[in-house]
Amino acid sequence: MDAEPDFPEDTDPEFLSDPGFSERHAELAAGYGKLGDPEDPAQVQAMQMVLHLPKTDPPARSDVLAAAAAAAVALCLDPRVGYEGEWEQRYLAWKRARIRKVARRARGAQWAAANEVPGVTVESGGALVRALVPGPVGEVDPRIRRLQIGGTDLESDDPGPVPLDVPVFWVNAELGMTVGKAAAQVGHASMLFAGALPVEQARTWAQRGFACAVREAGPDEWQMLRAAVARSAATAVRDAGFTEVAPGSTTVIATRPARPDQW
């Protein structure tokens, strides 16, 4: 099921008309990873993403991934990462180094505790994902460190026809990524997609709560998507290969809404 995500509950929507949005978008559009990794492995920067996966009646995989994509970009354009914002330095230390995201699962009291850690929560189609303010992997909040990274997956679902009025993040089905790995990859994709948009279109997307859809692409569909990337009509994510997939694998391809008049 596709649904427009609820706007991050702890973000003030008034920021969308603030000139600071343009500055935050410009920082995102400037790219990332230019500073590389620190020498101390404990100081490697990562964004922790918490997926709400209740044991009973878990959400659909496609909804979880849509919420993950929206949550990642929502944090990157949140006013608190902007000039003199309370999250600015932590965000920039991560964004200007090698981008890493770590997806963890939570339920019940674990999920409640995760929402006490600074970040933004997005809902899409009943699925909830919280993107936390990035920081060193050696200094992860204990409430988050205890959450499981692997061991739980969600089966592929059939979310129906592709919506025409939102960006779509196509996951490479041949790679067989777990839901946690795929969540990190669609988070990368939403950042790249937003950064590639003209600022006013990015603002419009933000006003819609970063509504998006996630679909899996089989071999034939993937070939067409790669052709779109080659002619600069789509945006691709190539993974560094730290986990699950080979270095240089194209994991996700982002496409613009089929009805651009909506933007």
Protein backbone atom coordinates (compact mmCIF):
# COMPACT_ATOMS: atom_id res chain seq x y z
CA MET A 1 0.00 0.00 0.00
CA ASP A 2 1.26 3.47 -0.87
CA ALA A 3 0.56 6.43 1.35
CA GLU A 4 1.97 9.86 1.84
CA PRO A 5 4.19 9.78 4.92
CA ASP A 6 3.09 11.78 7.89
CA PHE A 7 5.38 14.75 8.29
CA PRO A 8 8.10 14.00 10.87
CA GLU A 9 6.24 14.46 14.13
CA ASP A 10 9.02 16.37 15.88
CA THR A 11 9.74 18.79 13.05
CA ASP A 12 8.12 22.21 12.72
CA PRO A 13 6.56 22.45 9.21
CA GLU A 14 7.11 26.22 9.28
CA PHE A 15 10.73 25.58 8.30
CA LEU A 16 9.52 24.82 4.78
CA SER A 17 9.06 28.54 4.09
CA ASP A 18 12.32 29.47 5.83
CA PRO A 19 15.25 30.63 3.66
CA GLY A 20 17.36 28.22 5.69
CA PHE A 21 15.80 25.40 3.69
CA SER A 22 17.72 26.56 0.62
CA GLU A 23 20.98 26.44 2.58
CA ARG A 24 20.29 22.95 3.86
CA HIS A 25 19.40 21.78 0.37
CA ALA A 26 22.59 23.31 -1.03
CA GLU A 27 24.63 21.37 1.52
CA LEU A 28 22.86 18.15 0.55
CA ALA A 29 23.31 18.89 -3.15
CA ALA A 30 27.06 19.39 -2.63
CA GLY A 31 27.49 15.64 -2.22
CA TYR A 32 29.18 13.70 0.52
CA GLY A 33 32.17 11.60 1.40
CA LYS A 34 34.83 14.15 0.49
CA LEU A 35 36.70 13.82 3.79
CA GLY A 36 36.88 10.03 3.87
CA ASP A 37 37.03 8.02 7.08
CA PRO A 38 38.82 8.97 10.30
CA GLU A 39 41.85 6.86 11.30
CA ASP A 40 40.16 5.67 14.50
CA PRO A 41 37.51 3.05 13.57
CA ALA A 42 35.46 4.06 16.61
CA GLN A 43 35.09 7.51 15.10
CA VAL A 44 33.63 6.29 11.81
CA GLN A 45 30.36 8.17 11.33
CA ALA A 46 27.00 6.47 10.77
CA MET A 47 23.29 7.27 10.82
CA GLN A 48 21.39 4.73 12.87
CA MET A 49 17.93 3.94 11.47
CA VAL A 50 15.40 2.15 13.64
CA LEU A 51 12.69 0.11 11.93
CA HIS A 52 9.54 -0.55 13.93
CA LEU A 53 8.90 -4.25 13.31
CA PRO A 54 6.32 -5.55 15.78
CA LYS A 55 6.18 -9.32 16.19
CA THR A 56 2.46 -9.42 15.51
CA ASP A 57 1.13 -8.00 12.25
CA PRO A 58 4.36 -6.40 10.99
CA PRO A 59 4.09 -3.76 8.24
CA ALA A 60 4.64 -4.50 4.57
CA ARG A 61 8.24 -4.44 3.38
CA SER A 62 7.53 -1.78 0.73
CA ASP A 63 5.99 0.51 3.36
CA VAL A 64 8.95 0.08 5.71
CA LEU A 65 11.34 0.99 2.91
CA ALA A 66 9.28 4.02 1.88
CA ALA A 67 9.31 5.23 5.48
CA ALA A 68 13.08 4.68 5.65
CA ALA A 69 13.67 6.68 2.48
CA ALA A 70 11.52 9.55 3.74
CA ALA A 71 13.04 9.54 7.23
CA ALA A 72 16.63 9.74 5.97
CA VAL A 73 16.04 12.76 3.75
CA ALA A 74 13.77 14.40 6.34
CA LEU A 75 16.62 14.43 8.83
CA CYS A 76 19.03 15.81 6.21
CA LEU A 77 16.72 18.77 5.54
CA ASP A 78 15.57 19.31 9.13
CA PRO A 79 16.25 22.84 10.46
CA ARG A 80 18.26 21.40 13.33
CA VAL A 81 21.03 20.31 10.93
CA GLY A 82 21.24 23.83 9.47
CA TYR A 83 23.36 26.82 10.41
CA GLU A 84 23.82 26.99 14.19
CA GLY A 85 21.28 24.19 14.62
CA GLU A 86 21.67 21.80 17.54
CA TRP A 87 22.49 18.91 15.19
CA GLU A 88 24.64 20.84 12.69
CA GLN A 89 28.10 19.66 13.70
CA ARG A 90 27.13 15.99 14.11
CA TYR A 91 25.32 16.02 10.78
CA LEU A 92 28.16 17.66 8.87
CA ALA A 93 30.78 15.36 10.40
CA TRP A 94 28.79 12.44 8.98
CA LYS A 95 27.63 13.93 5.71
CA ARG A 96 31.06 15.19 4.70
CA ALA A 97 32.69 11.84 5.51
CA ARG A 98 31.82 8.48 4.00
CA ILE A 99 28.07 7.99 4.25
CA ARG A 100 27.04 4.98 6.33
CA LYS A 101 23.65 3.94 7.63
CA VAL A 102 22.94 1.11 10.05
CA ALA A 103 19.39 -0.24 10.21
CA ARG A 104 18.18 -1.87 13.43
CA ARG A 105 14.83 -3.33 14.41
CA ALA A 106 12.76 -2.49 17.47
CA ARG A 107 9.39 -3.34 18.97
CA GLY A 108 7.45 -2.46 22.09
CA ALA A 109 9.52 -0.78 24.79
CA GLN A 110 12.56 -0.81 22.52
CA TRP A 111 10.72 1.35 20.00
CA ALA A 112 9.55 3.73 22.71
CA ALA A 113 13.13 4.08 23.97
CA ALA A 114 14.43 4.71 20.44
CA ASN A 115 12.05 7.64 20.11
CA GLU A 116 13.76 9.29 23.08
CA VAL A 117 17.01 9.48 21.08
CA PRO A 118 17.38 12.61 18.88
CA GLY A 119 16.08 12.08 15.36
CA VAL A 120 12.93 12.15 13.25
CA THR A 121 10.22 9.54 12.83
CA VAL A 122 8.26 9.06 9.63
CA GLU A 123 5.22 6.89 8.98
CA SER A 124 4.27 5.50 5.58
CA GLY A 125 1.37 3.13 5.08
CA GLY A 126 1.41 2.20 8.76
CA ALA A 127 5.16 1.53 8.84
CA LEU A 128 7.33 3.57 11.20
CA VAL A 129 11.04 4.35 10.82
CA ARG A 130 13.15 6.69 12.94
CA ALA A 131 16.34 8.20 11.49
CA LEU A 132 18.68 9.21 14.30
CA VAL A 133 21.16 12.06 14.33
CA PRO A 134 24.44 10.59 13.02
CA GLY A 135 27.48 10.10 15.18
CA PRO A 136 30.56 7.92 15.75
CA VAL A 137 29.93 4.17 15.72
CA GLY A 138 31.87 3.91 18.98
CA GLU A 139 29.47 6.27 20.74
CA VAL A 140 26.07 4.84 19.83
CA ASP A 141 23.47 5.48 22.52
CA PRO A 142 23.07 2.33 24.70
CA ARG A 143 19.34 2.29 23.95
CA ILE A 144 20.21 1.89 20.28
CA ARG A 145 23.31 -0.28 20.58
CA ARG A 146 21.30 -3.09 22.12
CA LEU A 147 18.91 -3.25 19.17
CA GLN A 148 19.38 -6.11 16.75
CA ILE A 149 20.84 -5.31 13.33
CA GLY A 150 20.16 -8.61 11.55
CA GLY A 151 18.05 -11.68 12.09
CA THR A 152 14.68 -10.31 11.02
CA ASP A 153 13.49 -9.83 7.47
CA LEU A 154 10.24 -9.11 5.69
CA GLU A 155 9.07 -10.95 2.62
CA SER A 156 8.53 -9.07 -0.61
CA ASP A 157 4.99 -7.83 -0.98
CA ASP A 158 2.78 -6.75 -3.86
CA PRO A 159 2.03 -3.07 -3.24
CA GLY A 160 0.09 -2.61 -6.47
CA PRO A 161 0.47 -0.20 -9.39
CA VAL A 162 3.27 2.34 -9.29
CA PRO A 163 1.90 5.74 -8.19
CA LEU A 164 2.34 8.53 -10.71
CA ASP A 165 2.68 11.51 -8.40
CA VAL A 166 5.64 10.57 -6.17
CA PRO A 167 9.27 9.58 -6.73
CA VAL A 168 9.85 5.85 -6.89
CA PHE A 169 12.88 4.08 -5.46
CA TRP A 170 13.50 0.86 -7.36
CA VAL A 171 15.35 -1.84 -5.43
CA ASN A 172 17.50 -4.29 -7.38
CA ALA A 173 15.63 -7.55 -6.70
CA GLU A 174 18.50 -9.73 -7.97
CA LEU A 175 20.70 -8.68 -5.05
CA GLY A 176 18.38 -10.26 -2.48
CA MET A 177 19.04 -7.56 0.11
CA THR A 178 17.61 -7.91 3.60
CA VAL A 179 15.10 -5.29 4.69
CA GLY A 180 17.79 -3.60 6.82
CA LYS A 181 20.26 -3.36 3.96
CA ALA A 182 17.56 -2.17 1.58
CA ALA A 183 16.43 0.45 4.12
CA ALA A 184 19.92 1.92 4.22
CA GLN A 185 20.13 1.92 0.43
CA VAL A 186 16.80 3.67 -0.16
CA GLY A 187 17.95 6.19 2.46
CA HIS A 188 21.02 6.87 0.33
CA ALA A 189 18.75 7.15 -2.72
CA SER A 190 16.42 9.71 -1.16
CA MET A 191 19.38 11.90 -0.24
CA LEU A 192 20.82 11.75 -3.75
CA PHE A 193 17.40 12.32 -5.29
CA ALA A 194 16.65 15.38 -3.14
CA GLY A 195 20.08 16.85 -3.75
CA ALA A 196 19.61 16.52 -7.52
CA LEU A 197 16.27 18.37 -7.47
CA PRO A 198 16.03 22.12 -8.01
CA VAL A 199 15.54 23.69 -4.59
CA GLU A 200 11.90 24.66 -5.15
CA GLN A 201 11.00 21.13 -6.21
CA ALA A 202 12.81 19.81 -3.15
CA ARG A 203 10.78 22.24 -1.04
CA THR A 204 7.57 20.98 -2.63
CA TRP A 205 8.58 17.40 -1.89
CA ALA A 206 9.30 18.37 1.70
CA GLN A 207 5.87 19.99 1.97
CA ARG A 208 4.42 16.62 0.99
CA GLY A 209 6.29 14.89 3.80
CA PHE A 210 8.78 13.34 1.34
CA ALA A 211 6.06 11.04 0.02
CA CYS A 212 7.55 8.26 -2.08
CA ALA A 213 7.09 4.66 -3.14
CA VAL A 214 9.43 1.68 -3.20
CA ARG A 215 9.23 -1.12 -5.72
CA GLU A 216 11.42 -4.12 -6.57
CA ALA A 217 12.76 -4.29 -10.11
CA GLY A 218 13.38 -7.58 -11.88
CA PRO A 219 16.08 -8.04 -14.55
CA ASP A 220 14.12 -6.61 -17.49
CA GLU A 221 12.88 -3.63 -15.53
CA TRP A 222 16.35 -3.08 -14.09
CA GLN A 223 17.87 -2.94 -17.56
CA MET A 224 15.46 -0.16 -18.54
CA LEU A 225 16.22 1.71 -15.33
CA ARG A 226 19.97 1.52 -15.96
CA ALA A 227 19.35 2.98 -19.40
CA ALA A 228 17.48 5.86 -17.76
CA VAL A 229 20.49 6.45 -15.48
CA ALA A 230 22.78 6.50 -18.52
CA ARG A 231 20.78 9.32 -20.07
CA SER A 232 20.59 11.20 -16.73
CA ALA A 233 16.87 10.54 -16.36
CA ALA A 234 17.26 8.63 -13.07
CA THR A 235 19.61 8.52 -10.08
CA ALA A 236 21.55 5.42 -9.04
CA VAL A 237 23.05 4.28 -5.74
CA ARG A 238 26.27 2.29 -5.97
CA ASP A 239 27.22 0.50 -2.79
CA ALA A 240 30.70 0.46 -1.28
CA GLY A 241 30.28 -3.24 -0.54
CA PHE A 242 30.83 -3.28 3.22
CA THR A 243 27.92 -5.69 3.77
CA GLU A 244 25.78 -8.13 1.77
CA VAL A 245 26.61 -6.97 -1.78
CA ALA A 246 29.74 -6.71 -3.89
CA PRO A 247 31.53 -3.33 -4.07
CA GLY A 248 30.17 -1.16 -6.85
CA SER A 249 26.79 -2.91 -6.99
CA THR A 250 23.93 -0.68 -8.10
CA THR A 251 21.38 -1.23 -5.36
CA VAL A 252 18.64 1.35 -5.93
CA ILE A 253 17.58 3.60 -8.79
CA ALA A 254 15.40 6.64 -8.10
CA THR A 255 12.98 7.95 -10.70
CA ARG A 256 11.01 11.17 -10.76
CA PRO A 257 7.19 11.17 -10.60
CA ALA A 258 5.59 10.14 -13.88
CA ARG A 259 3.33 13.19 -13.51
CA PRO A 260 5.77 16.08 -12.99
CA ASP A 261 2.85 18.54 -12.97
CA GLN A 262 2.29 17.40 -9.40
CA TRP A 263 5.51 19.17 -8.49
